[in-house]
Amino acid sequence: MTMSTCGRVLSVAKDDTHRFSKTPASEICIVAGLGVQDDAHSGVTVQHRSRVTADPTQPNLRQVHLMHAELFDELQGKGFNVGPADLGENITTEGVDLLSLPRDTLLRIGDHVLLQVTGLRNPCSQIDRFQTGLLKAVLHRQPNGKLIRKAGIMTIVITGGMVRAGDPIYVQLPAPPYMPLERV
């Protein structure tokens, strides 16, 4: 499998309770087919509360949440104070343009972990309870009316292992035609 290095892990986090922010950790254990060990969103079927209410049998396409640290700089320029784990991500990245990746892209983190990109995180009103006005700052409407969601991407776990800050991230694009990311 040919992959190119394009970034690294800045930080990792988890939380065994459904809270908005997660707790930073020195490392997280990623489990194949489930997600982050000891994280509230880990599971074969959907764990996000609103999705469970709609249909608890849906597959969990949101096993591991990744967010690009570059978003924090953008938000700081708009007057917000946001850092790793604040917006509920499991892995904060640097140097990977997560939002431009097509669906089914593979991300190898370190030597073992392999994640498959499923789609975009759809931020909800909880983000405004964290900091007023933040929801509008992570959503952008293009002139053609298309909504751009900036709150990271969601993945499923193909191969598990440990992830730590500093681990390299390798990207392998799927075979064309590329499918754009949609909310999951």
N, C-alpha and C. Protein backbone atom coordinates (compact mmCIF):
# COMPACT_ATOMS: atom_id res chain seq x y z
N MET A 1 0.85 -1.16 0.00
CA MET A 1 0.00 0.00 0.00
C MET A 1 0.90 1.24 0.00
N THR A 2 0.83 2.06 -1.04
CA THR A 2 1.64 3.26 -1.14
C THR A 2 0.91 4.42 -0.49
N MET A 3 1.56 5.02 0.49
CA MET A 3 0.97 6.15 1.18
C MET A 3 2.02 7.24 1.27
N SER A 4 1.57 8.49 1.23
CA SER A 4 2.50 9.60 1.38
C SER A 4 2.30 10.24 2.75
N THR A 5 3.41 10.59 3.40
CA THR A 5 3.34 11.27 4.69
C THR A 5 2.93 12.71 4.43
N CYS A 6 1.96 13.17 5.16
CA CYS A 6 1.59 14.56 4.95
C CYS A 6 1.28 15.28 6.25
N GLY A 7 1.40 14.62 7.37
CA GLY A 7 1.10 15.31 8.61
C GLY A 7 1.49 14.48 9.82
N ARG A 8 1.02 14.96 10.96
CA ARG A 8 1.31 14.28 12.21
C ARG A 8 0.18 14.51 13.20
N VAL A 9 0.18 13.68 14.23
CA VAL A 9 -0.78 13.80 15.32
C VAL A 9 -0.26 14.87 16.28
N LEU A 10 -1.09 15.85 16.57
CA LEU A 10 -0.73 16.89 17.53
C LEU A 10 -1.12 16.46 18.95
N SER A 11 -2.32 15.86 19.08
CA SER A 11 -2.77 15.41 20.40
C SER A 11 -3.86 14.36 20.23
N VAL A 12 -4.13 13.65 21.33
CA VAL A 12 -5.18 12.63 21.35
C VAL A 12 -6.04 12.83 22.59
N ALA A 13 -7.30 12.34 22.50
CA ALA A 13 -8.23 12.53 23.61
C ALA A 13 -9.32 11.47 23.56
N LYS A 14 -9.98 11.29 24.70
CA LYS A 14 -11.12 10.37 24.80
C LYS A 14 -11.96 10.81 25.98
N ASP A 15 -13.16 10.26 26.07
CA ASP A 15 -14.03 10.50 27.22
C ASP A 15 -15.06 9.39 27.25
N ASP A 16 -15.22 8.75 28.38
CA ASP A 16 -16.17 7.63 28.47
C ASP A 16 -17.60 8.09 28.72
N THR A 17 -17.81 9.40 28.79
CA THR A 17 -19.14 9.98 28.99
C THR A 17 -19.46 10.87 27.80
N HIS A 18 -20.74 11.00 27.48
CA HIS A 18 -21.17 11.87 26.38
C HIS A 18 -21.12 13.33 26.84
N ARG A 19 -19.93 13.92 26.76
CA ARG A 19 -19.75 15.34 27.04
C ARG A 19 -19.29 15.98 25.74
N PHE A 20 -19.37 17.30 25.67
CA PHE A 20 -18.99 17.98 24.44
C PHE A 20 -17.48 17.89 24.20
N SER A 21 -16.69 18.29 25.19
CA SER A 21 -15.23 18.22 25.07
C SER A 21 -14.75 16.86 25.56
N LYS A 22 -13.59 16.46 25.08
CA LYS A 22 -12.98 15.21 25.52
C LYS A 22 -11.79 15.53 26.43
N THR A 23 -11.24 14.51 27.07
CA THR A 23 -10.12 14.67 27.98
C THR A 23 -8.82 14.31 27.26
N PRO A 24 -7.87 15.24 27.18
CA PRO A 24 -6.57 14.92 26.56
C PRO A 24 -5.92 13.73 27.26
N ALA A 25 -5.21 12.92 26.47
CA ALA A 25 -4.53 11.74 26.99
C ALA A 25 -3.13 11.66 26.40
N SER A 26 -2.26 10.88 27.02
CA SER A 26 -0.91 10.71 26.47
C SER A 26 -0.95 9.76 25.28
N GLU A 27 -1.94 8.84 25.28
CA GLU A 27 -2.12 7.91 24.17
C GLU A 27 -3.55 7.40 24.21
N ILE A 28 -4.02 6.93 23.05
CA ILE A 28 -5.32 6.29 22.99
C ILE A 28 -5.16 4.96 22.28
N CYS A 29 -5.99 4.01 22.68
CA CYS A 29 -5.99 2.69 22.05
C CYS A 29 -7.17 2.64 21.08
N ILE A 30 -6.85 2.43 19.81
CA ILE A 30 -7.86 2.35 18.76
C ILE A 30 -8.15 0.86 18.53
N VAL A 31 -9.43 0.49 18.53
CA VAL A 31 -9.83 -0.91 18.40
C VAL A 31 -10.55 -1.11 17.06
N ALA A 32 -10.09 -2.07 16.28
CA ALA A 32 -10.67 -2.35 14.96
C ALA A 32 -12.17 -2.58 15.06
N GLY A 33 -12.92 -1.91 14.19
CA GLY A 33 -14.36 -2.08 14.12
C GLY A 33 -15.15 -1.40 15.21
N LEU A 34 -14.47 -0.76 16.17
CA LEU A 34 -15.16 -0.14 17.30
C LEU A 34 -14.88 1.35 17.46
N GLY A 35 -13.60 1.73 17.50
CA GLY A 35 -13.22 3.11 17.76
C GLY A 35 -12.20 3.21 18.87
N VAL A 36 -12.30 4.27 19.64
CA VAL A 36 -11.35 4.54 20.71
C VAL A 36 -11.80 3.82 21.97
N GLN A 37 -10.94 2.96 22.50
CA GLN A 37 -11.24 2.24 23.74
C GLN A 37 -11.55 3.25 24.84
N ASP A 38 -12.58 2.96 25.63
CA ASP A 38 -13.01 3.81 26.75
C ASP A 38 -13.53 5.17 26.31
N ASP A 39 -14.07 5.25 25.09
CA ASP A 39 -14.68 6.49 24.60
C ASP A 39 -16.17 6.23 24.39
N ALA A 40 -17.00 7.21 24.72
CA ALA A 40 -18.45 7.07 24.65
C ALA A 40 -18.95 6.79 23.23
N HIS A 41 -18.19 7.15 22.22
CA HIS A 41 -18.63 6.96 20.84
C HIS A 41 -18.14 5.66 20.22
N SER A 42 -17.47 4.83 20.99
CA SER A 42 -16.96 3.56 20.50
C SER A 42 -18.10 2.55 20.37
N GLY A 43 -18.12 1.82 19.25
CA GLY A 43 -19.13 0.78 19.08
C GLY A 43 -19.33 0.42 17.63
N VAL A 44 -19.89 -0.74 17.40
CA VAL A 44 -20.19 -1.21 16.04
C VAL A 44 -21.38 -0.44 15.49
N THR A 45 -22.37 -0.18 16.35
CA THR A 45 -23.53 0.61 15.93
C THR A 45 -23.39 2.03 16.46
N VAL A 46 -24.14 2.93 15.89
CA VAL A 46 -24.05 4.35 16.19
C VAL A 46 -24.17 4.60 17.70
N GLN A 47 -23.35 5.52 18.20
CA GLN A 47 -23.34 5.85 19.63
C GLN A 47 -23.72 7.31 19.88
N HIS A 48 -23.75 8.12 18.83
CA HIS A 48 -24.12 9.54 18.96
C HIS A 48 -25.58 9.59 19.40
N ARG A 49 -25.87 10.32 20.47
CA ARG A 49 -27.19 10.25 21.09
C ARG A 49 -28.34 10.53 20.14
N SER A 50 -28.23 11.57 19.31
CA SER A 50 -29.34 11.89 18.41
C SER A 50 -29.53 10.80 17.36
N ARG A 51 -28.44 10.18 16.94
CA ARG A 51 -28.53 9.11 15.94
C ARG A 51 -29.11 7.83 16.56
N VAL A 52 -28.77 7.56 17.83
CA VAL A 52 -29.33 6.40 18.52
C VAL A 52 -30.84 6.54 18.64
N THR A 53 -31.30 7.76 18.94
CA THR A 53 -32.73 8.02 19.05
C THR A 53 -33.44 7.76 17.73
N ALA A 54 -32.82 8.15 16.62
CA ALA A 54 -33.42 7.96 15.30
C ALA A 54 -33.44 6.49 14.89
N ASP A 55 -32.31 5.79 15.08
CA ASP A 55 -32.22 4.38 14.70
C ASP A 55 -30.97 3.77 15.33
N PRO A 56 -31.12 3.06 16.45
CA PRO A 56 -29.95 2.52 17.16
C PRO A 56 -29.24 1.39 16.43
N THR A 57 -29.81 0.90 15.33
CA THR A 57 -29.18 -0.21 14.61
C THR A 57 -28.26 0.27 13.47
N GLN A 58 -28.18 1.58 13.22
CA GLN A 58 -27.32 2.10 12.16
C GLN A 58 -25.87 1.75 12.44
N PRO A 59 -25.08 1.50 11.39
CA PRO A 59 -23.65 1.28 11.63
C PRO A 59 -22.99 2.56 12.14
N ASN A 60 -21.98 2.40 12.96
CA ASN A 60 -21.27 3.55 13.51
C ASN A 60 -20.21 4.03 12.52
N LEU A 61 -20.53 5.07 11.79
CA LEU A 61 -19.60 5.67 10.84
C LEU A 61 -18.78 6.78 11.50
N ARG A 62 -18.94 6.94 12.80
CA ARG A 62 -18.30 8.01 13.57
C ARG A 62 -17.45 7.44 14.69
N GLN A 63 -16.67 6.40 14.40
CA GLN A 63 -15.89 5.73 15.44
C GLN A 63 -14.74 6.57 15.96
N VAL A 64 -14.05 7.30 15.09
CA VAL A 64 -12.93 8.15 15.50
C VAL A 64 -13.09 9.49 14.80
N HIS A 65 -13.08 10.57 15.59
CA HIS A 65 -13.24 11.94 15.09
C HIS A 65 -11.87 12.61 15.01
N LEU A 66 -11.52 13.12 13.84
CA LEU A 66 -10.26 13.84 13.64
C LEU A 66 -10.55 15.30 13.32
N MET A 67 -9.73 16.18 13.86
CA MET A 67 -9.87 17.61 13.57
C MET A 67 -8.49 18.19 13.32
N HIS A 68 -8.44 19.10 12.38
CA HIS A 68 -7.19 19.76 12.00
C HIS A 68 -6.92 20.96 12.91
N ALA A 69 -5.71 21.02 13.46
CA ALA A 69 -5.34 22.10 14.37
C ALA A 69 -5.36 23.46 13.67
N GLU A 70 -5.24 23.45 12.36
CA GLU A 70 -5.27 24.71 11.62
C GLU A 70 -6.60 25.44 11.81
N LEU A 71 -7.66 24.69 12.12
CA LEU A 71 -8.95 25.32 12.41
C LEU A 71 -8.85 26.19 13.66
N PHE A 72 -8.08 25.76 14.64
CA PHE A 72 -7.95 26.53 15.88
C PHE A 72 -7.36 27.91 15.60
N ASP A 73 -6.37 27.97 14.71
CA ASP A 73 -5.78 29.27 14.33
C ASP A 73 -6.83 30.16 13.67
N GLU A 74 -7.60 29.56 12.77
CA GLU A 74 -8.66 30.31 12.09
C GLU A 74 -9.68 30.85 13.09
N LEU A 75 -10.06 30.01 14.04
CA LEU A 75 -11.05 30.43 15.04
C LEU A 75 -10.48 31.49 15.98
N GLN A 76 -9.19 31.36 16.31
CA GLN A 76 -8.56 32.37 17.16
C GLN A 76 -8.61 33.74 16.48
N GLY A 77 -8.42 33.76 15.17
CA GLY A 77 -8.50 35.00 14.41
C GLY A 77 -9.90 35.61 14.44
N LYS A 78 -10.90 34.82 14.79
CA LYS A 78 -12.28 35.30 14.90
C LYS A 78 -12.66 35.56 16.35
N GLY A 79 -11.68 35.47 17.27
CA GLY A 79 -11.93 35.79 18.67
C GLY A 79 -12.31 34.62 19.56
N PHE A 80 -12.18 33.38 19.07
CA PHE A 80 -12.51 32.21 19.87
C PHE A 80 -11.24 31.60 20.43
N ASN A 81 -11.35 30.97 21.61
CA ASN A 81 -10.23 30.29 22.24
C ASN A 81 -10.55 28.79 22.25
N VAL A 82 -9.99 28.07 21.27
CA VAL A 82 -10.27 26.65 21.11
C VAL A 82 -8.96 25.91 20.92
N GLY A 83 -8.82 24.77 21.60
CA GLY A 83 -7.62 23.97 21.47
C GLY A 83 -7.95 22.50 21.35
N PRO A 84 -6.93 21.65 21.31
CA PRO A 84 -7.13 20.21 21.18
C PRO A 84 -8.10 19.66 22.22
N ALA A 85 -9.01 18.79 21.76
CA ALA A 85 -10.02 18.08 22.56
C ALA A 85 -11.23 18.94 22.94
N ASP A 86 -11.12 20.25 22.78
CA ASP A 86 -12.23 21.13 23.16
C ASP A 86 -13.50 20.86 22.37
N LEU A 87 -13.36 20.53 21.09
CA LEU A 87 -14.53 20.34 20.23
C LEU A 87 -14.91 18.87 20.09
N GLY A 88 -14.36 18.02 20.96
CA GLY A 88 -14.78 16.64 21.04
C GLY A 88 -14.07 15.67 20.13
N GLU A 89 -12.96 16.09 19.53
CA GLU A 89 -12.23 15.18 18.63
C GLU A 89 -11.34 14.23 19.42
N ASN A 90 -11.12 13.06 18.83
CA ASN A 90 -10.21 12.07 19.41
C ASN A 90 -8.77 12.33 18.99
N ILE A 91 -8.57 12.78 17.76
CA ILE A 91 -7.23 13.01 17.24
C ILE A 91 -7.18 14.40 16.61
N THR A 92 -6.26 15.22 17.10
CA THR A 92 -6.01 16.53 16.50
C THR A 92 -4.79 16.39 15.60
N THR A 93 -4.93 16.82 14.35
CA THR A 93 -3.88 16.65 13.36
C THR A 93 -3.24 17.98 12.99
N GLU A 94 -2.05 17.88 12.42
CA GLU A 94 -1.35 19.02 11.82
C GLU A 94 -0.88 18.61 10.44
N GLY A 95 -1.04 19.50 9.47
CA GLY A 95 -0.46 19.27 8.16
C GLY A 95 -1.26 18.38 7.22
N VAL A 96 -2.47 18.00 7.59
CA VAL A 96 -3.33 17.20 6.72
C VAL A 96 -4.58 18.02 6.42
N ASP A 97 -4.86 18.24 5.15
CA ASP A 97 -6.07 18.97 4.76
C ASP A 97 -7.24 18.00 4.82
N LEU A 98 -7.71 17.75 6.02
CA LEU A 98 -8.74 16.73 6.25
C LEU A 98 -10.00 16.98 5.44
N LEU A 99 -10.42 18.24 5.36
CA LEU A 99 -11.70 18.55 4.73
C LEU A 99 -11.68 18.33 3.22
N SER A 100 -10.50 18.25 2.61
CA SER A 100 -10.43 18.05 1.17
C SER A 100 -10.31 16.58 0.78
N LEU A 101 -10.19 15.70 1.76
CA LEU A 101 -10.04 14.28 1.46
C LEU A 101 -11.35 13.71 0.92
N PRO A 102 -11.28 12.82 -0.06
CA PRO A 102 -12.50 12.16 -0.52
C PRO A 102 -12.90 11.04 0.44
N ARG A 103 -14.17 10.67 0.35
CA ARG A 103 -14.68 9.55 1.15
C ARG A 103 -13.87 8.29 0.81
N ASP A 104 -13.67 7.45 1.78
CA ASP A 104 -12.94 6.19 1.68
C ASP A 104 -11.42 6.35 1.63
N THR A 105 -10.91 7.57 1.82
CA THR A 105 -9.46 7.75 1.97
C THR A 105 -9.00 6.94 3.17
N LEU A 106 -7.81 6.35 3.06
CA LEU A 106 -7.22 5.62 4.19
C LEU A 106 -6.17 6.49 4.86
N LEU A 107 -6.20 6.51 6.18
CA LEU A 107 -5.22 7.24 6.98
C LEU A 107 -4.49 6.23 7.85
N ARG A 108 -3.19 6.10 7.63
CA ARG A 108 -2.38 5.26 8.51
C ARG A 108 -1.73 6.20 9.51
N ILE A 109 -1.91 5.86 10.78
CA ILE A 109 -1.33 6.67 11.85
C ILE A 109 -0.31 5.81 12.55
N GLY A 110 0.94 6.30 12.57
CA GLY A 110 2.02 5.51 13.13
C GLY A 110 2.25 4.28 12.28
N ASP A 111 2.65 3.19 12.92
CA ASP A 111 2.97 1.96 12.19
C ASP A 111 1.79 1.03 11.98
N HIS A 112 0.71 1.19 12.76
CA HIS A 112 -0.32 0.16 12.76
C HIS A 112 -1.74 0.63 12.48
N VAL A 113 -2.16 1.74 13.02
CA VAL A 113 -3.56 2.15 12.95
C VAL A 113 -3.94 2.54 11.52
N LEU A 114 -5.07 2.01 11.07
CA LEU A 114 -5.58 2.33 9.74
C LEU A 114 -7.04 2.74 9.87
N LEU A 115 -7.33 3.97 9.49
CA LEU A 115 -8.68 4.52 9.56
C LEU A 115 -9.19 4.77 8.15
N GLN A 116 -10.49 4.62 7.96
CA GLN A 116 -11.12 4.91 6.66
C GLN A 116 -12.07 6.08 6.86
N VAL A 117 -11.90 7.11 6.04
CA VAL A 117 -12.71 8.32 6.14
C VAL A 117 -14.14 8.04 5.65
N THR A 118 -15.13 8.38 6.50
CA THR A 118 -16.53 8.15 6.16
C THR A 118 -17.28 9.44 5.82
N GLY A 119 -16.87 10.57 6.40
CA GLY A 119 -17.58 11.81 6.12
C GLY A 119 -17.21 12.92 7.07
N LEU A 120 -18.02 13.97 7.02
CA LEU A 120 -17.80 15.18 7.81
C LEU A 120 -18.58 15.13 9.12
N ARG A 121 -17.99 15.71 10.13
CA ARG A 121 -18.73 15.89 11.38
C ARG A 121 -19.74 17.01 11.13
N ASN A 122 -20.92 16.81 11.61
CA ASN A 122 -21.97 17.82 11.49
C ASN A 122 -22.10 18.51 12.85
N PRO A 123 -21.54 19.72 13.00
CA PRO A 123 -21.62 20.38 14.29
C PRO A 123 -23.06 20.74 14.64
N CYS A 124 -23.38 20.67 15.93
CA CYS A 124 -24.74 20.98 16.38
C CYS A 124 -24.72 22.16 17.35
N SER A 125 -25.88 22.50 17.88
CA SER A 125 -26.02 23.67 18.74
C SER A 125 -25.20 23.57 20.03
N GLN A 126 -24.78 22.36 20.42
CA GLN A 126 -23.95 22.23 21.63
C GLN A 126 -22.68 23.07 21.52
N ILE A 127 -22.22 23.27 20.31
CA ILE A 127 -20.98 24.03 20.11
C ILE A 127 -21.15 25.48 20.57
N ASP A 128 -22.36 26.03 20.46
CA ASP A 128 -22.61 27.39 20.94
C ASP A 128 -22.69 27.45 22.46
N ARG A 129 -23.00 26.34 23.11
CA ARG A 129 -22.96 26.32 24.57
C ARG A 129 -21.53 26.31 25.07
N PHE A 130 -20.61 25.79 24.24
CA PHE A 130 -19.20 25.80 24.58
C PHE A 130 -18.66 27.23 24.46
N GLN A 131 -18.93 27.89 23.33
CA GLN A 131 -18.59 29.30 23.13
C GLN A 131 -19.63 29.89 22.18
N THR A 132 -20.32 30.92 22.63
CA THR A 132 -21.37 31.56 21.86
C THR A 132 -20.85 32.02 20.50
N GLY A 133 -21.59 31.66 19.45
CA GLY A 133 -21.24 32.07 18.10
C GLY A 133 -20.32 31.11 17.37
N LEU A 134 -19.85 30.07 18.05
CA LEU A 134 -18.88 29.15 17.46
C LEU A 134 -19.50 28.31 16.34
N LEU A 135 -20.79 27.98 16.45
CA LEU A 135 -21.43 27.18 15.39
C LEU A 135 -21.32 27.90 14.04
N LYS A 136 -21.64 29.16 14.03
CA LYS A 136 -21.57 29.93 12.79
C LYS A 136 -20.13 29.99 12.26
N ALA A 137 -19.16 30.01 13.16
CA ALA A 137 -17.75 30.10 12.76
C ALA A 137 -17.22 28.81 12.15
N VAL A 138 -17.84 27.66 12.47
CA VAL A 138 -17.38 26.39 11.90
C VAL A 138 -18.25 25.93 10.73
N LEU A 139 -19.20 26.76 10.36
CA LEU A 139 -20.02 26.53 9.18
C LEU A 139 -19.83 27.71 8.25
N HIS A 140 -19.69 27.44 6.97
CA HIS A 140 -19.51 28.51 6.00
C HIS A 140 -20.40 28.22 4.80
N ARG A 141 -21.13 29.24 4.35
CA ARG A 141 -21.97 29.05 3.17
C ARG A 141 -21.31 29.72 1.97
N GLN A 142 -21.06 28.92 0.94
CA GLN A 142 -20.45 29.42 -0.29
C GLN A 142 -21.46 30.25 -1.07
N PRO A 143 -20.99 31.07 -2.01
CA PRO A 143 -21.92 31.87 -2.81
C PRO A 143 -23.00 31.04 -3.52
N ASN A 144 -22.68 29.79 -3.87
CA ASN A 144 -23.66 28.94 -4.54
C ASN A 144 -24.65 28.30 -3.55
N GLY A 145 -24.50 28.62 -2.25
CA GLY A 145 -25.41 28.12 -1.24
C GLY A 145 -24.95 26.86 -0.54
N LYS A 146 -23.88 26.23 -1.05
CA LYS A 146 -23.39 25.00 -0.44
C LYS A 146 -22.81 25.28 0.94
N LEU A 147 -23.19 24.44 1.91
CA LEU A 147 -22.72 24.59 3.28
C LEU A 147 -21.41 23.83 3.45
N ILE A 148 -20.40 24.50 3.98
CA ILE A 148 -19.10 23.89 4.26
C ILE A 148 -19.01 23.68 5.77
N ARG A 149 -18.82 22.42 6.16
CA ARG A 149 -18.68 22.06 7.57
C ARG A 149 -17.18 21.94 7.86
N LYS A 150 -16.70 22.68 8.86
CA LYS A 150 -15.27 22.74 9.16
C LYS A 150 -14.87 21.99 10.42
N ALA A 151 -15.81 21.28 11.06
CA ALA A 151 -15.56 20.70 12.38
C ALA A 151 -14.95 19.30 12.33
N GLY A 152 -14.16 19.02 11.31
CA GLY A 152 -13.42 17.76 11.27
C GLY A 152 -14.11 16.67 10.48
N ILE A 153 -13.47 15.51 10.51
CA ILE A 153 -13.96 14.35 9.75
C ILE A 153 -14.17 13.17 10.68
N MET A 154 -14.97 12.23 10.20
CA MET A 154 -15.26 11.01 10.94
C MET A 154 -14.67 9.83 10.19
N THR A 155 -14.27 8.80 10.95
CA THR A 155 -13.65 7.62 10.35
C THR A 155 -14.13 6.36 11.06
N ILE A 156 -13.91 5.23 10.37
CA ILE A 156 -14.09 3.92 10.99
C ILE A 156 -12.70 3.29 11.09
N VAL A 157 -12.58 2.32 11.98
CA VAL A 157 -11.28 1.70 12.25
C VAL A 157 -11.16 0.38 11.48
N ILE A 158 -10.14 0.31 10.62
CA ILE A 158 -9.83 -0.91 9.89
C ILE A 158 -8.84 -1.75 10.69
N THR A 159 -7.77 -1.11 11.18
CA THR A 159 -6.74 -1.79 11.99
C THR A 159 -6.47 -0.94 13.23
N GLY A 160 -6.47 -1.58 14.37
CA GLY A 160 -6.27 -0.87 15.62
C GLY A 160 -4.82 -0.77 16.05
N GLY A 161 -4.60 -0.09 17.16
CA GLY A 161 -3.28 0.09 17.74
C GLY A 161 -3.27 1.33 18.61
N MET A 162 -2.10 1.71 19.06
CA MET A 162 -1.94 2.89 19.92
C MET A 162 -1.63 4.11 19.07
N VAL A 163 -2.15 5.26 19.49
CA VAL A 163 -1.87 6.54 18.82
C VAL A 163 -1.41 7.53 19.88
N ARG A 164 -0.33 8.24 19.55
CA ARG A 164 0.27 9.24 20.45
C ARG A 164 0.58 10.51 19.68
N ALA A 165 0.70 11.61 20.40
CA ALA A 165 1.15 12.86 19.79
C ALA A 165 2.50 12.61 19.14
N GLY A 166 2.69 13.17 17.95
CA GLY A 166 3.94 13.02 17.22
C GLY A 166 3.92 11.92 16.19
N ASP A 167 2.94 11.00 16.27
CA ASP A 167 2.86 9.94 15.28
C ASP A 167 2.64 10.54 13.89
N PRO A 168 3.33 9.99 12.87
CA PRO A 168 3.10 10.47 11.50
C PRO A 168 1.75 9.99 10.98
N ILE A 169 1.21 10.76 10.05
CA ILE A 169 -0.04 10.40 9.39
C ILE A 169 0.26 10.24 7.90
N TYR A 170 -0.09 9.09 7.36
CA TYR A 170 0.09 8.78 5.95
C TYR A 170 -1.28 8.73 5.30
N VAL A 171 -1.38 9.25 4.08
CA VAL A 171 -2.66 9.33 3.38
C VAL A 171 -2.61 8.50 2.11
N GLN A 172 -3.64 7.67 1.89
CA GLN A 172 -3.81 6.97 0.63
C GLN A 172 -5.20 7.27 0.09
N LEU A 173 -5.24 7.95 -1.04
CA LEU A 173 -6.51 8.28 -1.67
C LEU A 173 -7.11 7.02 -2.29
N PRO A 174 -8.45 6.96 -2.34
CA PRO A 174 -9.10 5.81 -2.99
C PRO A 174 -8.96 5.94 -4.51
N ALA A 175 -9.34 4.89 -5.20
CA ALA A 175 -9.34 4.94 -6.66
C ALA A 175 -10.40 5.95 -7.13
N PRO A 176 -10.10 6.73 -8.17
CA PRO A 176 -11.11 7.66 -8.70
C PRO A 176 -12.28 6.89 -9.29
N PRO A 177 -13.43 7.47 -9.44
CA PRO A 177 -13.73 8.87 -9.16
C PRO A 177 -13.88 9.10 -7.65
N TYR A 178 -13.42 10.25 -7.21
CA TYR A 178 -13.47 10.59 -5.79
C TYR A 178 -14.88 11.02 -5.40
N MET A 179 -15.32 10.52 -4.25
CA MET A 179 -16.64 10.89 -3.70
C MET A 179 -16.41 11.97 -2.65
N PRO A 180 -17.10 13.11 -2.77
CA PRO A 180 -16.91 14.17 -1.78
C PRO A 180 -17.44 13.76 -0.42
N LEU A 181 -16.88 14.38 0.61
CA LEU A 181 -17.35 14.10 1.97
C LEU A 181 -18.70 14.75 2.19
N GLU A 182 -19.58 14.01 2.84
CA GLU A 182 -20.87 14.52 3.25
C GLU A 182 -20.99 14.29 4.74
N ARG A 183 -21.95 14.92 5.38
CA ARG A 183 -22.12 14.76 6.83
C ARG A 183 -22.53 13.33 7.16
N VAL A 184 -21.97 12.82 8.26
CA VAL A 184 -22.36 11.49 8.74
C VAL A 184 -22.78 11.57 10.19
